[in-house]
C-alpha atoms as a PDB file:
ATOM      1  CA  MET A   1      13.732 -46.769 -49.402  1.00  0.00           C
ATOM      2  CA  PRO A   2      14.076 -45.074 -45.937  1.00  0.00           C
ATOM      3  CA  CYS A   3      10.955 -44.099 -44.062  1.00  0.00           C
ATOM      4  CA  LEU A   4      10.531 -40.368 -43.652  1.00  0.00           C
ATOM      5  CA  ARG A   5       7.697 -40.578 -41.113  1.00  0.00           C
ATOM      6  CA  PRO A   6       9.845 -40.276 -37.901  1.00  0.00           C
ATOM      7  CA  ARG A   7      11.614 -37.238 -39.313  1.00  0.00           C
ATOM      8  CA  ILE A   8       8.321 -35.635 -40.317  1.00  0.00           C
ATOM      9  CA  CYS A   9       6.910 -36.267 -36.840  1.00  0.00           C
ATOM     10  CA  ARG A  10       9.972 -34.711 -35.174  1.00  0.00           C
ATOM     11  CA  GLU A  11       9.780 -31.631 -37.398  1.00  0.00           C
ATOM     12  CA  SER A  12       6.061 -31.351 -36.690  1.00  0.00           C
ATOM     13  CA  GLN A  13       6.742 -31.429 -32.924  1.00  0.00           C
ATOM     14  CA  ILE A  14       9.418 -28.743 -33.257  1.00  0.00           C
ATOM     15  CA  ILE A  15       7.008 -26.524 -35.169  1.00  0.00           C
ATOM     16  CA  GLN A  16       4.255 -27.104 -32.624  1.00  0.00           C
ATOM     17  CA  ARG A  17       6.409 -26.259 -29.580  1.00  0.00           C
ATOM     18  CA  PRO A  18       6.358 -22.464 -30.099  1.00  0.00           C
ATOM     19  CA  GLU A  19       2.624 -22.642 -30.692  1.00  0.00           C
ATOM     20  CA  LYS A  20       2.135 -24.556 -27.427  1.00  0.00           C
ATOM     21  CA  LEU A  21       4.296 -22.050 -25.532  1.00  0.00           C
ATOM     22  CA  LEU A  22       2.350 -19.166 -27.040  1.00  0.00           C
ATOM     23  CA  SER A  23      -0.910 -20.871 -26.128  1.00  0.00           C
ATOM     24  CA  ARG A  24       0.211 -21.313 -22.504  1.00  0.00           C
ATOM     25  CA  PHE A  25       1.311 -17.670 -22.329  1.00  0.00           C
ATOM     26  CA  LYS A  26      -2.070 -16.520 -23.671  1.00  0.00           C
ATOM     27  CA  LYS A  27      -3.924 -18.603 -21.080  1.00  0.00           C
ATOM     28  CA  ARG A  28      -1.863 -17.180 -18.211  1.00  0.00           C
ATOM     29  CA  PHE A  29      -2.223 -13.646 -19.547  1.00  0.00           C
ATOM     30  CA  GLN A  30      -5.969 -14.043 -19.978  1.00  0.00           C
ATOM     31  CA  LYS A  31      -6.248 -15.466 -16.479  1.00  0.00           C
ATOM     32  CA  LYS A  32      -4.410 -12.456 -15.057  1.00  0.00           C
ATOM     33  CA  ILE A  33      -6.473  -9.987 -17.093  1.00  0.00           C
ATOM     34  CA  GLY A  34      -9.669 -11.799 -16.094  1.00  0.00           C
ATOM     35  CA  GLN A  35      -9.006 -11.325 -12.382  1.00  0.00           C
ATOM     36  CA  THR A  36     -11.503  -9.256 -10.437  1.00  0.00           C
ATOM     37  CA  PRO A  37     -10.282  -6.107  -8.627  1.00  0.00           C
ATOM     38  CA  ASP A  38     -10.414  -7.974  -5.291  1.00  0.00           C
ATOM     39  CA  GLU A  39      -8.290 -10.810  -6.723  1.00  0.00           C
ATOM     40  CA  GLN A  40      -5.756  -8.359  -8.130  1.00  0.00           C
ATOM     41  CA  LYS A  41      -5.510  -6.563  -4.781  1.00  0.00           C
ATOM     42  CA  ALA A  42      -4.953  -9.897  -3.030  1.00  0.00           C
ATOM     43  CA  SER A  43      -2.277 -10.839  -5.578  1.00  0.00           C
ATOM     44  CA  VAL A  44      -0.360  -7.609  -4.935  1.00  0.00           C
ATOM     45  CA  ALA A  45      -0.655  -8.123  -1.169  1.00  0.00           C
ATOM     46  CA  GLN A  46       0.625 -11.718  -1.435  1.00  0.00           C
ATOM     47  CA  SER A  47       3.714 -10.643  -3.379  1.00  0.00           C
ATOM     48  CA  SER A  48       4.402  -8.035  -0.672  1.00  0.00           C
ATOM     49  CA  VAL A  49       4.359 -10.761   1.982  1.00  0.00           C
ATOM     50  CA  LEU A  50       6.957 -12.775   0.050  1.00  0.00           C
ATOM     51  CA  ALA A  51       9.156  -9.709  -0.474  1.00  0.00           C
ATOM     52  CA  ALA A  52       8.980  -8.794   3.228  1.00  0.00           C
ATOM     53  CA  CYS A  53       9.974 -12.366   4.197  1.00  0.00           C
ATOM     54  CA  GLY A  54      13.105 -12.237   2.057  1.00  0.00           C
ATOM     55  CA  LEU A  55      14.156  -8.774   3.251  1.00  0.00           C
ATOM     56  CA  THR A  56      13.620  -9.579   6.928  1.00  0.00           C
ATOM     57  CA  GLY A  57      15.672 -12.779   6.772  1.00  0.00           C
ATOM     58  CA  GLY A  58      18.542 -11.191   4.848  1.00  0.00           C
ATOM     59  CA  LYS A  59      18.830  -8.146   7.105  1.00  0.00           C
ATOM     60  CA  LEU A  60      18.591 -10.201  10.286  1.00  0.00           C
ATOM     61  CA  VAL A  61      21.407 -12.570   9.268  1.00  0.00           C
ATOM     62  CA  ILE A  62      23.756  -9.793   8.127  1.00  0.00           C
ATOM     63  CA  GLY A  63      22.884  -7.598  11.132  1.00  0.00           C
ATOM     64  CA  ILE A  64      23.781 -10.375  13.597  1.00  0.00           C
ATOM     65  CA  MET A  65      26.988 -11.207  11.712  1.00  0.00           C
ATOM     66  CA  THR A  66      28.216  -7.593  11.606  1.00  0.00           C
ATOM     67  CA  GLY A  67      26.727  -6.286  14.847  1.00  0.00           C
ATOM     68  CA  SER A  68      25.319  -3.252  13.026  1.00  0.00           C
ATOM     69  CA  LEU A  69      22.483  -1.629  14.973  1.00  0.00           C
ATOM     70  CA  GLY A  70      21.401   0.157  11.814  1.00  0.00           C
ATOM     71  CA  ILE A  71      20.921  -3.135   9.954  1.00  0.00           C
ATOM     72  CA  LEU A  72      19.297  -4.793  12.974  1.00  0.00           C
ATOM     73  CA  ALA A  73      16.938  -1.828  13.257  1.00  0.00           C
ATOM     74  CA  GLU A  74      16.132  -2.260   9.595  1.00  0.00           C
ATOM     75  CA  ALA A  75      15.585  -5.992  10.169  1.00  0.00           C
ATOM     76  CA  LEU A  76      13.038  -5.196  12.877  1.00  0.00           C
ATOM     77  CA  HIS A  77      11.472  -2.603  10.608  1.00  0.00           C
ATOM     78  CA  SER A  78      11.194  -5.213   7.839  1.00  0.00           C
ATOM     79  CA  ALA A  79       9.797  -7.755  10.311  1.00  0.00           C
ATOM     80  CA  LEU A  80       7.041  -5.326  11.196  1.00  0.00           C
ATOM     81  CA  ASP A  81       6.564  -4.718   7.483  1.00  0.00           C
ATOM     82  CA  LEU A  82       6.053  -8.474   7.162  1.00  0.00           C
ATOM     83  CA  VAL A  83       3.420  -8.431   9.895  1.00  0.00           C
ATOM     84  CA  ALA A  84       1.815  -5.397   8.239  1.00  0.00           C
ATOM     85  CA  ALA A  85       1.846  -7.135   4.843  1.00  0.00           C
ATOM     86  CA  ILE A  86       0.137 -10.208   6.341  1.00  0.00           C
ATOM     87  CA  ILE A  87      -2.463  -7.987   8.001  1.00  0.00           C
ATOM     88  CA  THR A  88      -2.966  -6.150   4.699  1.00  0.00           C
ATOM     89  CA  LEU A  89      -3.498  -9.443   2.881  1.00  0.00           C
ATOM     90  CA  PHE A  90      -6.082 -10.487   5.470  1.00  0.00           C
ATOM     91  CA  ALA A  91      -7.769  -7.067   5.356  1.00  0.00           C
ATOM     92  CA  VAL A  92      -7.967  -7.006   1.555  1.00  0.00           C
ATOM     93  CA  LYS A  93      -9.598 -10.436   1.497  1.00  0.00           C
ATOM     94  CA  ALA A  94     -11.964  -9.653   4.389  1.00  0.00           C
ATOM     95  CA  SER A  95     -13.039  -6.298   2.932  1.00  0.00           C
ATOM     96  CA  SER A  96     -14.100  -8.015  -0.303  1.00  0.00           C
ATOM     97  CA  ILE A  97     -16.827  -9.977   1.522  1.00  0.00           C
ATOM     98  CA  PRO A  98     -20.191  -8.720   0.188  1.00  0.00           C
ATOM     99  CA  ALA A  99     -22.550  -6.695   2.381  1.00  0.00           C
ATOM    100  CA  ASP A 100     -25.036  -8.673   4.471  1.00  0.00           C
ATOM    101  CA  ARG A 101     -27.881  -8.017   6.882  1.00  0.00           C
ATOM    102  CA  ASP A 102     -25.538  -7.305   9.811  1.00  0.00           C
ATOM    103  CA  HIS A 103     -23.135  -5.240   7.688  1.00  0.00           C
ATOM    104  CA  PRO A 104     -25.263  -3.301   5.176  1.00  0.00           C
ATOM    105  CA  TYR A 105     -22.314  -1.054   4.248  1.00  0.00           C
ATOM    106  CA  GLY A 106     -20.001  -3.995   3.600  1.00  0.00           C
ATOM    107  CA  HIS A 107     -16.757  -4.907   5.350  1.00  0.00           C
ATOM    108  CA  GLY A 108     -14.503  -2.158   3.980  1.00  0.00           C
ATOM    109  CA  LYS A 109     -13.671  -0.804   7.450  1.00  0.00           C
ATOM    110  CA  VAL A 110     -11.452  -3.857   7.937  1.00  0.00           C
ATOM    111  CA  GLU A 111      -8.898  -2.099   5.714  1.00  0.00           C
ATOM    112  CA  ASN A 112      -9.001   0.985   7.948  1.00  0.00           C
ATOM    113  CA  LEU A 113      -8.564  -1.139  11.080  1.00  0.00           C
ATOM    114  CA  SER A 114      -5.562  -2.903   9.554  1.00  0.00           C
ATOM    115  CA  ALA A 115      -3.989   0.465   8.714  1.00  0.00           C
ATOM    116  CA  LEU A 116      -4.455   1.583  12.338  1.00  0.00           C
ATOM    117  CA  PHE A 117      -2.789  -1.584  13.634  1.00  0.00           C
ATOM    118  CA  GLU A 118       0.129  -1.037  11.236  1.00  0.00           C
ATOM    119  CA  THR A 119       0.521   2.467  12.668  1.00  0.00           C
ATOM    120  CA  LEU A 120       0.823   1.053  16.181  1.00  0.00           C
ATOM    121  CA  LEU A 121       3.467  -1.399  14.977  1.00  0.00           C
ATOM    122  CA  LEU A 122       5.495   1.432  13.456  1.00  0.00           C
ATOM    123  CA  ILE A 123       5.364   3.409  16.721  1.00  0.00           C
ATOM    124  CA  LEU A 124       6.621   0.378  18.681  1.00  0.00           C
ATOM    125  CA  THR A 125       9.508   0.136  16.235  1.00  0.00           C
ATOM    126  CA  CYS A 126      10.471   3.733  16.968  1.00  0.00           C
ATOM    127  CA  PHE A 127      10.699   3.105  20.727  1.00  0.00           C
ATOM    128  CA  TRP A 128      13.006   0.107  20.310  1.00  0.00           C
ATOM    129  CA  ILE A 129      15.281   1.770  17.748  1.00  0.00           C
ATOM    130  CA  GLY A 130      15.581   4.973  19.788  1.00  0.00           C
ATOM    131  CA  ARG A 131      16.338   3.157  23.029  1.00  0.00           C
ATOM    132  CA  GLU A 132      19.080   0.974  21.533  1.00  0.00           C
ATOM    133  CA  ALA A 133      20.682   3.856  19.631  1.00  0.00           C
ATOM    134  CA  ILE A 134      20.809   6.134  22.681  1.00  0.00           C
ATOM    135  CA  LYS A 135      22.189   3.277  24.786  1.00  0.00           C
ATOM    136  CA  ARG A 136      25.090   2.799  22.358  1.00  0.00           C
ATOM    137  CA  LEU A 137      25.804   6.518  22.144  1.00  0.00           C
ATOM    138  CA  VAL A 138      25.825   6.930  25.954  1.00  0.00           C
ATOM    139  CA  THR A 139      27.797   3.800  26.890  1.00  0.00           C
ATOM    140  CA  GLY A 140      30.170   4.022  23.916  1.00  0.00           C
ATOM    141  CA  GLN A 141      29.829   0.280  23.298  1.00  0.00           C
ATOM    142  CA  VAL A 142      29.919   0.325  19.530  1.00  0.00           C
ATOM    143  CA  HIS A 143      31.320  -2.729  17.749  1.00  0.00           C
ATOM    144  CA  VAL A 144      30.300  -2.781  14.114  1.00  0.00           C
ATOM    145  CA  GLU A 145      31.959  -4.941  11.465  1.00  0.00           C
ATOM    146  CA  VAL A 146      31.476  -3.380   8.042  1.00  0.00           C
ATOM    147  CA  THR A 147      31.678  -5.937   5.223  1.00  0.00           C
ATOM    148  CA  PHE A 148      30.658  -6.230   1.600  1.00  0.00           C
ATOM    149  CA  TRP A 149      27.494  -8.047   2.675  1.00  0.00           C
ATOM    150  CA  SER A 150      26.515  -5.133   4.909  1.00  0.00           C
ATOM    151  CA  PHE A 151      26.219  -2.879   1.870  1.00  0.00           C
ATOM    152  CA  ALA A 152      24.907  -5.631  -0.423  1.00  0.00           C
ATOM    153  CA  VAL A 153      21.880  -6.532   1.714  1.00  0.00           C
ATOM    154  CA  MET A 154      20.896  -2.863   2.071  1.00  0.00           C
ATOM    155  CA  ALA A 155      21.328  -2.206  -1.661  1.00  0.00           C
ATOM    156  CA  VAL A 156      19.142  -5.212  -2.526  1.00  0.00           C
ATOM    157  CA  SER A 157      16.639  -3.990   0.055  1.00  0.00           C
ATOM    158  CA  ILE A 158      16.378  -0.591  -1.648  1.00  0.00           C
ATOM    159  CA  ILE A 159      15.837  -2.184  -5.085  1.00  0.00           C
ATOM    160  CA  VAL A 160      13.092  -4.498  -3.773  1.00  0.00           C
ATOM    161  CA  ASP A 161      11.456  -1.698  -1.773  1.00  0.00           C
ATOM    162  CA  ILE A 162      11.315   0.617  -4.790  1.00  0.00           C
ATOM    163  CA  SER A 163       9.683  -2.101  -6.876  1.00  0.00           C
ATOM    164  CA  ARG A 164       7.169  -3.114  -4.198  1.00  0.00           C
ATOM    165  CA  SER A 165       6.193   0.405  -3.125  1.00  0.00           C
ATOM    166  CA  ARG A 166       5.639   1.481  -6.735  1.00  0.00           C
ATOM    167  CA  ARG A 167       3.372  -1.488  -7.457  1.00  0.00           C
ATOM    168  CA  LEU A 168       1.483  -1.081  -4.192  1.00  0.00           C
ATOM    169  CA  PHE A 169       0.931   2.647  -4.745  1.00  0.00           C
ATOM    170  CA  GLN A 170      -0.355   1.948  -8.251  1.00  0.00           C
ATOM    171  CA  ALA A 171      -2.771  -0.689  -6.965  1.00  0.00           C
ATOM    172  CA  ALA A 172      -3.852   1.526  -4.046  1.00  0.00           C
ATOM    173  CA  LYS A 173      -4.612   4.419  -6.385  1.00  0.00           C
ATOM    174  CA  LYS A 174      -6.374   2.192  -8.917  1.00  0.00           C
ATOM    175  CA  TYR A 175      -8.633   0.474  -6.370  1.00  0.00           C
ATOM    176  CA  ASN A 176      -8.779   3.248  -3.731  1.00  0.00           C
ATOM    177  CA  SER A 177      -7.434   0.868  -1.085  1.00  0.00           C
ATOM    178  CA  GLN A 178      -6.161   2.415   2.150  1.00  0.00           C
ATOM    179  CA  ALA A 179      -4.743  -0.928   3.290  1.00  0.00           C
ATOM    180  CA  LEU A 180      -2.542  -1.227   0.187  1.00  0.00           C
ATOM    181  CA  GLU A 181      -1.541   2.428   0.530  1.00  0.00           C
ATOM    182  CA  ALA A 182      -0.467   1.814   4.134  1.00  0.00           C
ATOM    183  CA  ASP A 183       1.561  -1.182   2.998  1.00  0.00           C
ATOM    184  CA  ALA A 184       3.145   0.962   0.273  1.00  0.00           C
ATOM    185  CA  LEU A 185       4.119   3.544   2.903  1.00  0.00           C
ATOM    186  CA  HIS A 186       5.895   0.831   4.869  1.00  0.00           C
ATOM    187  CA  PHE A 187       8.002  -0.162   1.861  1.00  0.00           C
ATOM    188  CA  SER A 188       8.677   3.440   0.792  1.00  0.00           C
ATOM    189  CA  THR A 189       9.904   4.268   4.304  1.00  0.00           C
ATOM    190  CA  ASP A 190      12.356   1.392   4.025  1.00  0.00           C
ATOM    191  CA  ILE A 191      13.901   3.040   0.959  1.00  0.00           C
ATOM    192  CA  TRP A 192      14.917   6.166   2.868  1.00  0.00           C
ATOM    193  CA  SER A 193      15.843   4.353   6.063  1.00  0.00           C
ATOM    194  CA  SER A 194      18.015   1.849   4.151  1.00  0.00           C
ATOM    195  CA  ALA A 195      19.805   4.721   2.414  1.00  0.00           C
ATOM    196  CA  VAL A 196      20.480   6.301   5.818  1.00  0.00           C
ATOM    197  CA  VAL A 197      21.885   3.011   7.136  1.00  0.00           C
ATOM    198  CA  ILE A 198      24.220   2.720   4.119  1.00  0.00           C
ATOM    199  CA  LEU A 199      25.450   6.242   4.863  1.00  0.00           C
ATOM    200  CA  GLY A 200      26.055   5.265   8.484  1.00  0.00           C
ATOM    201  CA  LEU A 201      27.975   2.121   7.512  1.00  0.00           C
ATOM    202  CA  GLY A 202      30.072   4.164   5.101  1.00  0.00           C
ATOM    203  CA  CYS A 203      31.029   6.539   7.912  1.00  0.00           C
ATOM    204  CA  VAL A 204      32.003   3.606  10.143  1.00  0.00           C
ATOM    205  CA  ALA A 205      34.204   2.233   7.340  1.00  0.00           C
ATOM    206  CA  LEU A 206      35.885   5.649   6.980  1.00  0.00           C
ATOM    207  CA  SER A 207      36.564   5.766  10.729  1.00  0.00           C
ATOM    208  CA  ASP A 208      38.530   2.516  10.401  1.00  0.00           C
ATOM    209  CA  VAL A 209      40.592   3.968   7.546  1.00  0.00           C
ATOM    210  CA  PHE A 210      41.245   7.408   9.059  1.00  0.00           C
ATOM    211  CA  LYS A 211      42.446   6.900  12.613  1.00  0.00           C
ATOM    212  CA  GLY A 212      41.714  10.477  13.648  1.00  0.00           C
ATOM    213  CA  ALA A 213      38.058  10.200  12.778  1.00  0.00           C
ATOM    214  CA  ASP A 214      36.885   7.869  15.553  1.00  0.00           C
ATOM    215  CA  PHE A 215      33.747   9.942  16.013  1.00  0.00           C
ATOM    216  CA  LEU A 216      32.495   8.526  12.695  1.00  0.00           C
ATOM    217  CA  HIS A 217      32.221   5.150  14.420  1.00  0.00           C
ATOM    218  CA  TYR A 218      29.033   6.404  16.087  1.00  0.00           C
ATOM    219  CA  ALA A 219      27.426   7.131  12.728  1.00  0.00           C
ATOM    220  CA  ASP A 220      25.675   3.730  12.723  1.00  0.00           C
ATOM    221  CA  ALA A 221      23.794   4.537  15.942  1.00  0.00           C
ATOM    222  CA  ILE A 222      23.002   8.034  14.696  1.00  0.00           C
ATOM    223  CA  ALA A 223      21.709   6.523  11.443  1.00  0.00           C
ATOM    224  CA  ALA A 224      19.441   4.265  13.508  1.00  0.00           C
ATOM    225  CA  LEU A 225      18.011   7.341  15.258  1.00  0.00           C
ATOM    226  CA  VAL A 226      17.337   8.936  11.873  1.00  0.00           C
ATOM    227  CA  VAL A 227      15.508   5.752  10.835  1.00  0.00           C
ATOM    228  CA  GLY A 228      13.367   6.065  13.958  1.00  0.00           C
ATOM    229  CA  LEU A 229      12.508   9.694  13.165  1.00  0.00           C
ATOM    230  CA  ILE A 230      11.512   8.745   9.610  1.00  0.00           C
ATOM    231  CA  VAL A 231       9.263   5.990  10.933  1.00  0.00           C
ATOM    232  CA  ILE A 232       7.656   8.369  13.461  1.00  0.00           C
ATOM    233  CA  GLN A 233       6.833  10.878  10.723  1.00  0.00           C
ATOM    234  CA  VAL A 234       5.179   8.236   8.546  1.00  0.00           C
ATOM    235  CA  SER A 235       3.355   6.758  11.548  1.00  0.00           C
ATOM    236  CA  LEU A 236       1.774  10.075  12.511  1.00  0.00           C
ATOM    237  CA  LYS A 237       0.561  10.779   8.967  1.00  0.00           C
ATOM    238  CA  LEU A 238      -0.828   7.276   8.580  1.00  0.00           C
ATOM    239  CA  GLY A 239      -2.439   7.362  12.033  1.00  0.00           C
ATOM    240  CA  VAL A 240      -4.280  10.638  11.367  1.00  0.00           C
ATOM    241  CA  ARG A 241      -5.622   9.398   8.027  1.00  0.00           C
ATOM    242  CA  THR A 242      -6.697   6.078   9.539  1.00  0.00           C
ATOM    243  CA  ILE A 243      -8.536   7.663  12.476  1.00  0.00           C
ATOM    244  CA  ASN A 244     -10.280  10.084  10.115  1.00  0.00           C
ATOM    245  CA  ALA A 245     -11.467   7.149   8.008  1.00  0.00           C
ATOM    246  CA  LEU A 246     -12.730   5.250  11.056  1.00  0.00           C
ATOM    247  CA  LEU A 247     -14.600   8.375  12.215  1.00  0.00           C
ATOM    248  CA  ASP A 248     -16.303   8.634   8.791  1.00  0.00           C
ATOM    249  CA  SER A 249     -14.590  11.880   7.845  1.00  0.00           C
ATOM    250  CA  ALA A 250     -15.676  12.938   4.377  1.00  0.00           C
ATOM    251  CA  PRO A 251     -13.007  12.888   1.639  1.00  0.00           C
ATOM    252  CA  HIS A 252     -11.658  16.425   1.319  1.00  0.00           C
ATOM    253  CA  GLY A 253     -13.579  18.552  -1.176  1.00  0.00           C
ATOM    254  CA  LEU A 254     -15.776  15.739  -2.515  1.00  0.00           C
ATOM    255  CA  GLY A 255     -19.010  17.102  -1.031  1.00  0.00           C
ATOM    256  CA  GLU A 256     -18.436  20.543  -2.590  1.00  0.00           C
ATOM    257  CA  LYS A 257     -17.728  18.981  -5.987  1.00  0.00           C
ATOM    258  CA  VAL A 258     -20.953  16.963  -5.807  1.00  0.00           C
ATOM    259  CA  ILE A 259     -23.036  20.072  -5.060  1.00  0.00           C
ATOM    260  CA  GLU A 260     -21.364  22.065  -7.816  1.00  0.00           C
ATOM    261  CA  ARG A 261     -21.866  19.403 -10.490  1.00  0.00           C
ATOM    262  CA  VAL A 262     -25.425  18.437  -9.489  1.00  0.00           C
ATOM    263  CA  GLU A 263     -26.700  22.030  -9.424  1.00  0.00           C
ATOM    264  CA  ARG A 264     -25.542  22.454 -13.043  1.00  0.00           C
ATOM    265  CA  ILE A 265     -28.135  19.874 -14.185  1.00  0.00           C
ATOM    266  CA  PRO A 266     -31.206  21.507 -15.770  1.00  0.00           C
ATOM    267  CA  GLY A 267     -34.257  20.882 -13.616  1.00  0.00           C
ATOM    268  CA  ILE A 268     -32.334  20.764 -10.314  1.00  0.00           C
ATOM    269  CA  VAL A 269     -33.151  23.814  -8.208  1.00  0.00           C
ATOM    270  CA  ASN A 270     -30.892  23.063  -5.254  1.00  0.00           C
ATOM    271  CA  CYS A 271     -28.613  20.339  -3.826  1.00  0.00           C
ATOM    272  CA  HIS A 272     -28.173  20.107  -0.048  1.00  0.00           C
ATOM    273  CA  ASN A 273     -27.631  17.721   2.896  1.00  0.00           C
ATOM    274  CA  VAL A 274     -24.784  15.995   1.078  1.00  0.00           C
ATOM    275  CA  ARG A 275     -23.200  13.286   3.227  1.00  0.00           C
ATOM    276  CA  VAL A 276     -20.087  11.435   2.136  1.00  0.00           C
ATOM    277  CA  ARG A 277     -18.414   8.533   3.939  1.00  0.00           C
ATOM    278  CA  ALA A 278     -15.894   5.897   2.953  1.00  0.00           C
ATOM    279  CA  SER A 279     -15.786   2.269   4.020  1.00  0.00           C
ATOM    280  CA  GLY A 280     -12.470   0.927   2.818  1.00  0.00           C
ATOM    281  CA  ALA A 281     -12.389   1.453  -0.933  1.00  0.00           C
ATOM    282  CA  GLN A 282     -16.162   1.962  -1.209  1.00  0.00           C
ATOM    283  CA  VAL A 283     -17.543   5.528  -1.073  1.00  0.00           C
ATOM    284  CA  PHE A 284     -21.160   6.194  -0.012  1.00  0.00           C
ATOM    285  CA  ILE A 285     -22.864   9.462  -0.993  1.00  0.00           C
ATOM    286  CA  ASP A 286     -26.320  10.604   0.193  1.00  0.00           C
ATOM    287  CA  LEU A 287     -27.861  13.857  -1.045  1.00  0.00           C
ATOM    288  CA  HIS A 288     -31.127  15.784  -1.192  1.00  0.00           C
ATOM    289  CA  VAL A 289     -32.173  17.663  -4.334  1.00  0.00           C
ATOM    290  CA  LEU A 290     -34.954  20.213  -4.831  1.00  0.00           C
ATOM    291  CA  MET A 291     -37.107  19.792  -7.965  1.00  0.00           C
ATOM    292  CA  ASP A 292     -40.267  21.269  -9.460  1.00  0.00           C
ATOM    293  CA  ALA A 293     -43.294  19.765  -7.653  1.00  0.00           C
ATOM    294  CA  GLU A 294     -45.180  19.490 -10.958  1.00  0.00           C
ATOM    295  CA  LEU A 295     -42.697  17.096 -12.566  1.00  0.00           C
ATOM    296  CA  PRO A 296     -44.092  13.628 -13.352  1.00  0.00           C
ATOM    297  CA  LEU A 297     -42.608  10.630 -11.560  1.00  0.00           C
ATOM    298  CA  ARG A 298     -40.939   9.351 -14.730  1.00  0.00           C
ATOM    299  CA  GLU A 299     -39.091  12.680 -15.171  1.00  0.00           C
ATOM    300  CA  VAL A 300     -38.022  12.686 -11.505  1.00  0.00           C
ATOM    301  CA  HIS A 301     -36.615   9.200 -11.952  1.00  0.00           C
ATOM    302  CA  ARG A 302     -34.740  10.307 -15.086  1.00  0.00           C
ATOM    303  CA  LEU A 303     -33.199  13.217 -13.212  1.00  0.00           C
ATOM    304  CA  THR A 304     -32.063  10.999 -10.318  1.00  0.00           C
ATOM    305  CA  GLU A 305     -30.349   8.669 -12.777  1.00  0.00           C
ATOM    306  CA  LEU A 306     -28.709  11.668 -14.438  1.00  0.00           C
ATOM    307  CA  ILE A 307     -27.499  12.827 -11.010  1.00  0.00           C
ATOM    308  CA  GLU A 308     -25.976   9.418 -10.315  1.00  0.00           C
ATOM    309  CA  GLY A 309     -24.170   9.482 -13.661  1.00  0.00           C
ATOM    310  CA  VAL A 310     -22.707  12.938 -12.976  1.00  0.00           C
ATOM    311  CA  ILE A 311     -21.510  11.915  -9.503  1.00  0.00           C
ATOM    312  CA  HIS A 312     -19.937   8.732 -10.865  1.00  0.00           C
ATOM    313  CA  GLU A 313     -17.774  10.942 -13.090  1.00  0.00           C
ATOM    314  CA  ILE A 314     -16.386  12.507  -9.906  1.00  0.00           C
ATOM    315  CA  SER A 315     -16.298   9.355  -7.763  1.00  0.00           C
ATOM    316  CA  PRO A 316     -16.387   6.171  -9.897  1.00  0.00           C
ATOM    317  CA  GLY A 317     -18.069   3.210  -8.215  1.00  0.00           C
ATOM    318  CA  ALA A 318     -19.703   5.285  -5.463  1.00  0.00           C
ATOM    319  CA  ASP A 319     -22.891   3.991  -3.825  1.00  0.00           C
ATOM    320  CA  ILE A 320     -25.342   6.890  -4.295  1.00  0.00           C
ATOM    321  CA  THR A 321     -28.699   7.599  -2.660  1.00  0.00           C
ATOM    322  CA  VAL A 322     -30.696  10.548  -4.049  1.00  0.00           C
ATOM    323  CA  HIS A 323     -33.656  11.980  -2.119  1.00  0.00           C
ATOM    324  CA  PRO A 324     -35.811  14.249  -4.347  1.00  0.00           C
ATOM    325  CA  GLU A 325     -37.854  17.010  -2.681  1.00  0.00           C
ATOM    326  CA  PRO A 326     -40.634  19.108  -4.256  1.00  0.00           C
ATOM    327  CA  ARG A 327     -40.272  22.853  -4.433  1.00  0.00           C
END
């Protein structure tokens, strides 16, 4: 009589395989869900570095092969995006270092410094793009070979940039990270600039088809100038926001909201001397409140905790210091 044990074992292994796969998936999912906010920010920043590496290499190769200034300008733009992504990754990790005796407010300003450096990189990009584009327009030395790969690399670039910028913006909003927001701006700028380059390449291709439209051959250099203008616009906006953060400018309207909400609390006579500052993703709020001088200490403490709870509804995770004053 034949032995059925090998067959039973094989069937048992087949049945167990989906269970093992499901178990592995659960472990990976739980590991991802169990990540701290700092780990999730670092994970998003790391994926941006990898994306920037691929885009820079692809654009550089195709730009050299075709001689397209628009694609080469985009390659330089992506290279600076790579540098910015690396800086962002470093800044996100450094800003997560806990506060110590020498840095009682933490290390969040590292994110603001990284955003400022990224702004300087963007401005340098503008100078190079503008100079090369004007040089080609003045000298008339325009030799661009438009191929399938010219359009393909830019189309892939747009798809990757849309995906990366969306994820970075979501993470920046979720964790209030200026460094991730700056990185998202870099990728979102690439979307528009890549679209402009595709338009320029299309015009160059049309100039080869229609012999009377030689002026379209300069569209690639003009597209590069448009890229430079887009980068300048983003650089100025990012630079202003970064400098304001480094100068401890209060988030717009937050101080007024704190006063309005705190003065609604029964037992609070007045709220004044509200100071708000941000250090990276962390917000610090100091305020003075006027209370009845006859209140017992336990009641004063209860009111201060109530104040902190109300402010946390406006600014979750804020570090709050309440100074009660007797009336």
